Amino acid sequence: MTRARKEAHLPEGQAPVEAPQAERKAKRIALAFILVPLLVTALWGLAAWFQKEPEKKDEGPVVALGAPAPDFTFPSLAGPPISLSDHRGKVVLVNIWATWCPPCIEELPSLQNLYVKMKEKGQPFEILAVDIDALGAEPVRKFVDRFKLTFPIPLDPRGTIKKLYRTTGVPESFLVDPEGKLVEKVIGARKWDSPEVVSFIEQVFRRAAQGGPQTGQAPPARP
């Protein structure tokens, strides 16, 4: 053996390996031992994620004709809180509106006229006009004074009723029978004091008295 081979303690016929090259090789092997398990774990997790069924979100109660109308409790413009369930035994028109909505404002006079007509007839009828203005009572009062509104106005500045009733905009209205079940959903403004709408609501009273099904043809759209 030559002096170089003796110093390196290498067997006959094997070329010497430089120390830096050997260190790099050892580091690559160690890195592979670390990365390979991590890569396998990541691939397994990704596959499990793709196979996982999407979680069902809690969207609140079902809002469907014939189903119980979701109950709510909000402070009123007059002060005391108002709950839908407090009016069980009456036909209730839940009207969801806002002062920044022109069609909502346009239908307020006809809502007041309907309210007066039903009270004059002695019918167990109520309107709950839920306002969703973020500023609360202040913007609502001028319209109450302007149109001399006398029906209750619950205030929902957080707009929680939108999710509760799954609304798509304003105005939207929901007619609830004396048993608290949803009779009809109306999207958009209506002329609420029209003979057709009054007749439709009176049908709800008659069906309730007879114990028959309440759902039927929706009130006609405003011409």
C-alpha atoms as a PDB file:
ATOM      1  CA  MET A   1       0.000   0.000   0.000  1.00  0.00           C
ATOM      2  CA  THR A   2       1.076   3.571  -0.587  1.00  0.00           C
ATOM      3  CA  ARG A   3       1.399   6.067   2.214  1.00  0.00           C
ATOM      4  CA  ALA A   4      -1.879   7.794   1.142  1.00  0.00           C
ATOM      5  CA  ARG A   5      -3.808   4.515   1.287  1.00  0.00           C
ATOM      6  CA  LYS A   6      -2.445   3.738   4.750  1.00  0.00           C
ATOM      7  CA  GLU A   7      -3.470   7.131   6.068  1.00  0.00           C
ATOM      8  CA  ALA A   8      -6.969   6.736   4.689  1.00  0.00           C
ATOM      9  CA  HIS A   9      -7.163   3.056   5.753  1.00  0.00           C
ATOM     10  CA  LEU A  10      -8.607   2.149   2.349  1.00  0.00           C
ATOM     11  CA  PRO A  11      -8.537  -1.363   0.928  1.00  0.00           C
ATOM     12  CA  GLU A  12      -6.426  -2.129  -2.134  1.00  0.00           C
ATOM     13  CA  GLY A  13      -8.031  -0.915  -5.364  1.00  0.00           C
ATOM     14  CA  GLN A  14     -10.508   1.616  -3.801  1.00  0.00           C
ATOM     15  CA  ALA A  15     -10.146   5.286  -4.621  1.00  0.00           C
ATOM     16  CA  PRO A  16     -10.114   7.733  -1.718  1.00  0.00           C
ATOM     17  CA  VAL A  17     -13.318   9.688  -0.947  1.00  0.00           C
ATOM     18  CA  GLU A  18     -12.979  13.315  -0.039  1.00  0.00           C
ATOM     19  CA  ALA A  19     -14.477  14.234   3.334  1.00  0.00           C
ATOM     20  CA  PRO A  20     -16.815  17.072   2.086  1.00  0.00           C
ATOM     21  CA  GLN A  21     -18.391  14.781  -0.507  1.00  0.00           C
ATOM     22  CA  ALA A  22     -19.043  12.094   2.094  1.00  0.00           C
ATOM     23  CA  GLU A  23     -20.655  14.608   4.425  1.00  0.00           C
ATOM     24  CA  ARG A  24     -22.989  15.858   1.702  1.00  0.00           C
ATOM     25  CA  LYS A  25     -24.073  12.323   0.919  1.00  0.00           C
ATOM     26  CA  ALA A  26     -24.777  11.628   4.566  1.00  0.00           C
ATOM     27  CA  LYS A  27     -26.861  14.817   4.865  1.00  0.00           C
ATOM     28  CA  ARG A  28     -28.947  13.878   1.785  1.00  0.00           C
ATOM     29  CA  ILE A  29     -29.685  10.487   3.266  1.00  0.00           C
ATOM     30  CA  ALA A  30     -30.686  12.021   6.611  1.00  0.00           C
ATOM     31  CA  LEU A  31     -32.886  14.602   4.848  1.00  0.00           C
ATOM     32  CA  ALA A  32     -34.595  11.853   2.877  1.00  0.00           C
ATOM     33  CA  PHE A  33     -35.397   9.989   6.105  1.00  0.00           C
ATOM     34  CA  ILE A  34     -37.081  13.154   7.388  1.00  0.00           C
ATOM     35  CA  LEU A  35     -38.923  14.309   4.260  1.00  0.00           C
ATOM     36  CA  VAL A  36     -40.294  11.001   2.997  1.00  0.00           C
ATOM     37  CA  PRO A  37     -42.541  10.351   6.060  1.00  0.00           C
ATOM     38  CA  LEU A  38     -43.708  13.965   5.986  1.00  0.00           C
ATOM     39  CA  LEU A  39     -44.596  13.707   2.291  1.00  0.00           C
ATOM     40  CA  VAL A  40     -46.472  10.443   2.822  1.00  0.00           C
ATOM     41  CA  THR A  41     -48.425  11.984   5.723  1.00  0.00           C
ATOM     42  CA  ALA A  42     -49.306  15.065   3.655  1.00  0.00           C
ATOM     43  CA  LEU A  43     -50.529  12.963   0.718  1.00  0.00           C
ATOM     44  CA  TRP A  44     -52.618  10.817   3.041  1.00  0.00           C
ATOM     45  CA  GLY A  45     -54.187  13.905   4.619  1.00  0.00           C
ATOM     46  CA  LEU A  46     -54.941  15.433   1.201  1.00  0.00           C
ATOM     47  CA  ALA A  47     -56.636  12.238   0.037  1.00  0.00           C
ATOM     48  CA  ALA A  48     -58.725  12.109   3.220  1.00  0.00           C
ATOM     49  CA  TRP A  49     -59.762  15.756   2.744  1.00  0.00           C
ATOM     50  CA  PHE A  50     -61.026  15.102  -0.791  1.00  0.00           C
ATOM     51  CA  GLN A  51     -63.018  12.093   0.383  1.00  0.00           C
ATOM     52  CA  LYS A  52     -64.564  13.932   3.332  1.00  0.00           C
ATOM     53  CA  GLU A  53     -68.243  14.796   2.983  1.00  0.00           C
ATOM     54  CA  PRO A  54     -69.037  18.503   3.344  1.00  0.00           C
ATOM     55  CA  GLU A  55     -70.413  19.461   6.731  1.00  0.00           C
ATOM     56  CA  LYS A  56     -74.014  20.550   6.810  1.00  0.00           C
ATOM     57  CA  LYS A  57     -74.397  24.079   8.098  1.00  0.00           C
ATOM     58  CA  ASP A  58     -77.130  24.908  10.558  1.00  0.00           C
ATOM     59  CA  GLU A  59     -79.307  27.262   8.539  1.00  0.00           C
ATOM     60  CA  GLY A  60     -81.994  27.530  11.170  1.00  0.00           C
ATOM     61  CA  PRO A  61     -85.582  26.260  11.036  1.00  0.00           C
ATOM     62  CA  VAL A  62     -87.243  25.185   7.823  1.00  0.00           C
ATOM     63  CA  VAL A  63     -89.338  27.945   6.261  1.00  0.00           C
ATOM     64  CA  ALA A  64     -91.964  26.127   4.232  1.00  0.00           C
ATOM     65  CA  LEU A  65     -95.686  26.447   3.667  1.00  0.00           C
ATOM     66  CA  GLY A  66     -97.543  24.435   6.269  1.00  0.00           C
ATOM     67  CA  ALA A  67     -94.568  24.422   8.656  1.00  0.00           C
ATOM     68  CA  PRO A  68     -94.502  26.432  11.886  1.00  0.00           C
ATOM     69  CA  ALA A  69     -93.386  29.997  11.255  1.00  0.00           C
ATOM     70  CA  PRO A  70     -90.081  30.698  13.062  1.00  0.00           C
ATOM     71  CA  ASP A  71     -90.688  32.578  16.279  1.00  0.00           C
ATOM     72  CA  PHE A  72     -88.863  35.801  17.053  1.00  0.00           C
ATOM     73  CA  THR A  73     -88.714  38.453  19.739  1.00  0.00           C
ATOM     74  CA  PHE A  74     -87.574  42.017  19.044  1.00  0.00           C
ATOM     75  CA  PRO A  75     -87.929  45.339  20.827  1.00  0.00           C
ATOM     76  CA  SER A  76     -90.725  47.435  19.366  1.00  0.00           C
ATOM     77  CA  LEU A  77     -90.777  51.024  18.267  1.00  0.00           C
ATOM     78  CA  ALA A  78     -93.237  51.649  21.102  1.00  0.00           C
ATOM     79  CA  GLY A  79     -90.870  50.075  23.635  1.00  0.00           C
ATOM     80  CA  PRO A  80     -92.008  46.636  24.913  1.00  0.00           C
ATOM     81  CA  PRO A  81     -90.611  43.573  23.118  1.00  0.00           C
ATOM     82  CA  ILE A  82     -92.815  41.791  20.589  1.00  0.00           C
ATOM     83  CA  SER A  83     -92.866  38.050  19.877  1.00  0.00           C
ATOM     84  CA  LEU A  84     -94.659  36.287  17.062  1.00  0.00           C
ATOM     85  CA  SER A  85     -95.777  33.578  19.485  1.00  0.00           C
ATOM     86  CA  ASP A  86     -97.600  36.198  21.568  1.00  0.00           C
ATOM     87  CA  HIS A  87    -100.146  36.437  18.738  1.00  0.00           C
ATOM     88  CA  ARG A  88    -101.092  32.772  18.523  1.00  0.00           C
ATOM     89  CA  GLY A  89    -104.786  32.524  17.665  1.00  0.00           C
ATOM     90  CA  LYS A  90    -104.578  35.406  15.180  1.00  0.00           C
ATOM     91  CA  VAL A  91    -103.741  35.634  11.516  1.00  0.00           C
ATOM     92  CA  VAL A  92    -100.450  37.521  11.438  1.00  0.00           C
ATOM     93  CA  LEU A  93     -98.830  39.278   8.496  1.00  0.00           C
ATOM     94  CA  VAL A  94     -95.074  39.452   9.099  1.00  0.00           C
ATOM     95  CA  ASN A  95     -93.709  42.159   6.826  1.00  0.00           C
ATOM     96  CA  ILE A  96     -89.920  42.574   6.612  1.00  0.00           C
ATOM     97  CA  TRP A  97     -88.904  46.032   5.403  1.00  0.00           C
ATOM     98  CA  ALA A  98     -86.424  48.919   5.664  1.00  0.00           C
ATOM     99  CA  THR A  99     -86.673  52.690   5.313  1.00  0.00           C
ATOM    100  CA  TRP A 100     -84.019  52.709   2.547  1.00  0.00           C
ATOM    101  CA  CYS A 101     -86.210  50.445   0.366  1.00  0.00           C
ATOM    102  CA  PRO A 102     -88.543  52.464  -1.942  1.00  0.00           C
ATOM    103  CA  PRO A 103     -90.998  49.559  -2.592  1.00  0.00           C
ATOM    104  CA  CYS A 104     -91.218  49.042   1.181  1.00  0.00           C
ATOM    105  CA  ILE A 105     -92.178  52.667   1.733  1.00  0.00           C
ATOM    106  CA  GLU A 106     -94.610  52.564  -1.163  1.00  0.00           C
ATOM    107  CA  GLU A 107     -96.631  49.737   0.372  1.00  0.00           C
ATOM    108  CA  LEU A 108     -96.832  51.187   3.907  1.00  0.00           C
ATOM    109  CA  PRO A 109    -100.102  53.112   3.304  1.00  0.00           C
ATOM    110  CA  SER A 110    -101.838  50.002   1.954  1.00  0.00           C
ATOM    111  CA  LEU A 111    -100.600  47.985   4.951  1.00  0.00           C
ATOM    112  CA  GLN A 112    -102.133  50.582   7.263  1.00  0.00           C
ATOM    113  CA  ASN A 113    -105.409  50.493   5.309  1.00  0.00           C
ATOM    114  CA  LEU A 114    -105.489  46.690   5.531  1.00  0.00           C
ATOM    115  CA  TYR A 115    -104.847  46.872   9.256  1.00  0.00           C
ATOM    116  CA  VAL A 116    -107.732  49.300   9.768  1.00  0.00           C
ATOM    117  CA  LYS A 117    -110.100  47.239   7.600  1.00  0.00           C
ATOM    118  CA  MET A 118    -109.424  44.058   9.560  1.00  0.00           C
ATOM    119  CA  LYS A 119    -109.834  45.825  12.896  1.00  0.00           C
ATOM    120  CA  GLU A 120    -113.135  47.322  11.751  1.00  0.00           C
ATOM    121  CA  LYS A 121    -114.321  43.834  10.792  1.00  0.00           C
ATOM    122  CA  GLY A 122    -113.376  42.600  14.256  1.00  0.00           C
ATOM    123  CA  GLN A 123    -111.057  39.961  12.835  1.00  0.00           C
ATOM    124  CA  PRO A 124    -108.254  38.566  15.012  1.00  0.00           C
ATOM    125  CA  PHE A 125    -105.595  39.977  12.734  1.00  0.00           C
ATOM    126  CA  GLU A 126    -102.182  41.528  13.356  1.00  0.00           C
ATOM    127  CA  ILE A 127     -99.385  43.063  11.303  1.00  0.00           C
ATOM    128  CA  LEU A 128     -95.822  42.812  12.573  1.00  0.00           C
ATOM    129  CA  ALA A 129     -93.739  45.055  10.315  1.00  0.00           C
ATOM    130  CA  VAL A 130     -90.170  44.081  11.241  1.00  0.00           C
ATOM    131  CA  ASP A 131     -87.781  46.889  10.330  1.00  0.00           C
ATOM    132  CA  ILE A 132     -84.132  45.933   9.661  1.00  0.00           C
ATOM    133  CA  ASP A 133     -82.557  49.409   9.588  1.00  0.00           C
ATOM    134  CA  ALA A 134     -79.097  49.278  11.146  1.00  0.00           C
ATOM    135  CA  LEU A 135     -79.724  52.666  12.810  1.00  0.00           C
ATOM    136  CA  GLY A 136     -82.713  51.326  14.723  1.00  0.00           C
ATOM    137  CA  ALA A 137     -85.709  53.459  15.655  1.00  0.00           C
ATOM    138  CA  GLU A 138     -84.601  56.901  14.510  1.00  0.00           C
ATOM    139  CA  PRO A 139     -85.147  56.535  10.719  1.00  0.00           C
ATOM    140  CA  VAL A 140     -88.402  54.633  11.293  1.00  0.00           C
ATOM    141  CA  ARG A 141     -90.240  57.285  13.304  1.00  0.00           C
ATOM    142  CA  LYS A 142     -90.599  59.786  10.480  1.00  0.00           C
ATOM    143  CA  PHE A 143     -92.411  57.223   8.322  1.00  0.00           C
ATOM    144  CA  VAL A 144     -94.662  56.247  11.217  1.00  0.00           C
ATOM    145  CA  ASP A 145     -95.573  59.913  11.622  1.00  0.00           C
ATOM    146  CA  ARG A 146     -95.852  60.520   7.887  1.00  0.00           C
ATOM    147  CA  PHE A 147     -98.250  57.635   7.199  1.00  0.00           C
ATOM    148  CA  LYS A 148     -99.837  57.553  10.689  1.00  0.00           C
ATOM    149  CA  LEU A 149     -98.996  53.887  11.113  1.00  0.00           C
ATOM    150  CA  THR A 150    -100.690  52.156  14.028  1.00  0.00           C
ATOM    151  CA  PHE A 151     -99.593  48.524  13.616  1.00  0.00           C
ATOM    152  CA  PRO A 152     -96.687  47.184  15.713  1.00  0.00           C
ATOM    153  CA  ILE A 153     -93.160  47.659  14.347  1.00  0.00           C
ATOM    154  CA  PRO A 154     -90.522  45.339  15.825  1.00  0.00           C
ATOM    155  CA  LEU A 155     -86.951  46.621  15.400  1.00  0.00           C
ATOM    156  CA  ASP A 156     -84.235  44.247  14.200  1.00  0.00           C
ATOM    157  CA  PRO A 157     -81.147  46.415  13.539  1.00  0.00           C
ATOM    158  CA  ARG A 158     -78.900  43.350  13.252  1.00  0.00           C
ATOM    159  CA  GLY A 159     -81.097  41.851  10.548  1.00  0.00           C
ATOM    160  CA  THR A 160     -81.310  38.471  12.250  1.00  0.00           C
ATOM    161  CA  ILE A 161     -84.773  37.856  10.814  1.00  0.00           C
ATOM    162  CA  LYS A 162     -83.272  37.702   7.316  1.00  0.00           C
ATOM    163  CA  LYS A 163     -81.471  34.457   8.181  1.00  0.00           C
ATOM    164  CA  LEU A 164     -84.354  33.217  10.322  1.00  0.00           C
ATOM    165  CA  TYR A 165     -86.824  33.531   7.428  1.00  0.00           C
ATOM    166  CA  ARG A 166     -84.217  33.033   4.674  1.00  0.00           C
ATOM    167  CA  THR A 167     -85.184  36.187   2.848  1.00  0.00           C
ATOM    168  CA  THR A 168     -83.600  37.292  -0.414  1.00  0.00           C
ATOM    169  CA  GLY A 169     -84.398  40.996  -0.082  1.00  0.00           C
ATOM    170  CA  VAL A 170     -87.029  43.463   1.050  1.00  0.00           C
ATOM    171  CA  PRO A 171     -89.914  43.725   1.185  1.00  0.00           C
ATOM    172  CA  GLU A 172     -90.861  40.141   1.907  1.00  0.00           C
ATOM    173  CA  SER A 173     -94.021  39.144   3.745  1.00  0.00           C
ATOM    174  CA  PHE A 174     -95.182  35.972   5.469  1.00  0.00           C
ATOM    175  CA  LEU A 175     -98.788  35.180   6.332  1.00  0.00           C
ATOM    176  CA  VAL A 176     -99.161  33.062   9.459  1.00  0.00           C
ATOM    177  CA  ASP A 177    -102.381  31.280  10.422  1.00  0.00           C
ATOM    178  CA  PRO A 178    -103.905  31.145  13.945  1.00  0.00           C
ATOM    179  CA  GLU A 179    -102.001  27.922  14.694  1.00  0.00           C
ATOM    180  CA  GLY A 180     -98.687  29.619  13.947  1.00  0.00           C
ATOM    181  CA  LYS A 181     -98.144  27.877  10.617  1.00  0.00           C
ATOM    182  CA  LEU A 182     -96.907  29.604   7.497  1.00  0.00           C
ATOM    183  CA  VAL A 183     -99.706  30.077   4.977  1.00  0.00           C
ATOM    184  CA  GLU A 184     -98.052  32.144   2.277  1.00  0.00           C
ATOM    185  CA  LYS A 185     -94.795  33.863   1.379  1.00  0.00           C
ATOM    186  CA  VAL A 186     -94.911  37.024  -0.703  1.00  0.00           C
ATOM    187  CA  ILE A 187     -91.809  38.489  -2.344  1.00  0.00           C
ATOM    188  CA  GLY A 188     -92.005  42.133  -3.303  1.00  0.00           C
ATOM    189  CA  ALA A 189     -94.510  44.903  -2.695  1.00  0.00           C
ATOM    190  CA  ARG A 190     -98.288  44.434  -2.791  1.00  0.00           C
ATOM    191  CA  LYS A 191    -101.328  46.645  -2.672  1.00  0.00           C
ATOM    192  CA  TRP A 192    -102.372  45.117   0.611  1.00  0.00           C
ATOM    193  CA  ASP A 193    -105.745  46.816   0.852  1.00  0.00           C
ATOM    194  CA  SER A 194    -106.925  45.558  -2.541  1.00  0.00           C
ATOM    195  CA  PRO A 195    -110.141  43.470  -2.604  1.00  0.00           C
ATOM    196  CA  GLU A 196    -108.168  40.447  -3.841  1.00  0.00           C
ATOM    197  CA  VAL A 197    -105.743  40.488  -0.911  1.00  0.00           C
ATOM    198  CA  VAL A 198    -108.496  41.151   1.655  1.00  0.00           C
ATOM    199  CA  SER A 199    -110.477  38.231   0.197  1.00  0.00           C
ATOM    200  CA  PHE A 200    -107.414  35.966   0.406  1.00  0.00           C
ATOM    201  CA  ILE A 201    -106.869  36.787   4.085  1.00  0.00           C
ATOM    202  CA  GLU A 202    -110.545  36.221   4.845  1.00  0.00           C
ATOM    203  CA  GLN A 203    -110.219  32.778   3.259  1.00  0.00           C
ATOM    204  CA  VAL A 204    -107.506  32.014   5.794  1.00  0.00           C
ATOM    205  CA  PHE A 205    -109.930  32.903   8.589  1.00  0.00           C
ATOM    206  CA  ARG A 206    -112.650  30.682   7.102  1.00  0.00           C
ATOM    207  CA  ARG A 207    -110.307  27.730   6.633  1.00  0.00           C
ATOM    208  CA  ALA A 208    -109.031  28.126  10.188  1.00  0.00           C
ATOM    209  CA  ALA A 209    -112.626  28.048  11.476  1.00  0.00           C
ATOM    210  CA  GLN A 210    -113.321  24.921   9.428  1.00  0.00           C
ATOM    211  CA  GLY A 211    -110.060  23.260  10.412  1.00  0.00           C
ATOM    212  CA  GLY A 212    -108.990  22.790   6.788  1.00  0.00           C
ATOM    213  CA  PRO A 213    -105.571  23.248   5.134  1.00  0.00           C
ATOM    214  CA  GLN A 214    -104.448  26.856   4.999  1.00  0.00           C
ATOM    215  CA  THR A 215    -102.101  27.027   2.024  1.00  0.00           C
ATOM    216  CA  GLY A 216    -103.583  28.191  -1.212  1.00  0.00           C
ATOM    217  CA  GLN A 217    -103.174  30.657  -4.009  1.00  0.00           C
ATOM    218  CA  ALA A 218    -100.833  33.515  -3.118  1.00  0.00           C
ATOM    219  CA  PRO A 219    -102.110  37.085  -2.966  1.00  0.00           C
ATOM    220  CA  PRO A 220    -101.970  38.681  -6.418  1.00  0.00           C
ATOM    221  CA  ALA A 221     -98.916  40.686  -7.361  1.00  0.00           C
ATOM    222  CA  ARG A 222     -99.224  44.426  -7.420  1.00  0.00           C
ATOM    223  CA  PRO A 223    -100.103  45.611 -10.935  1.00  0.00           C
END
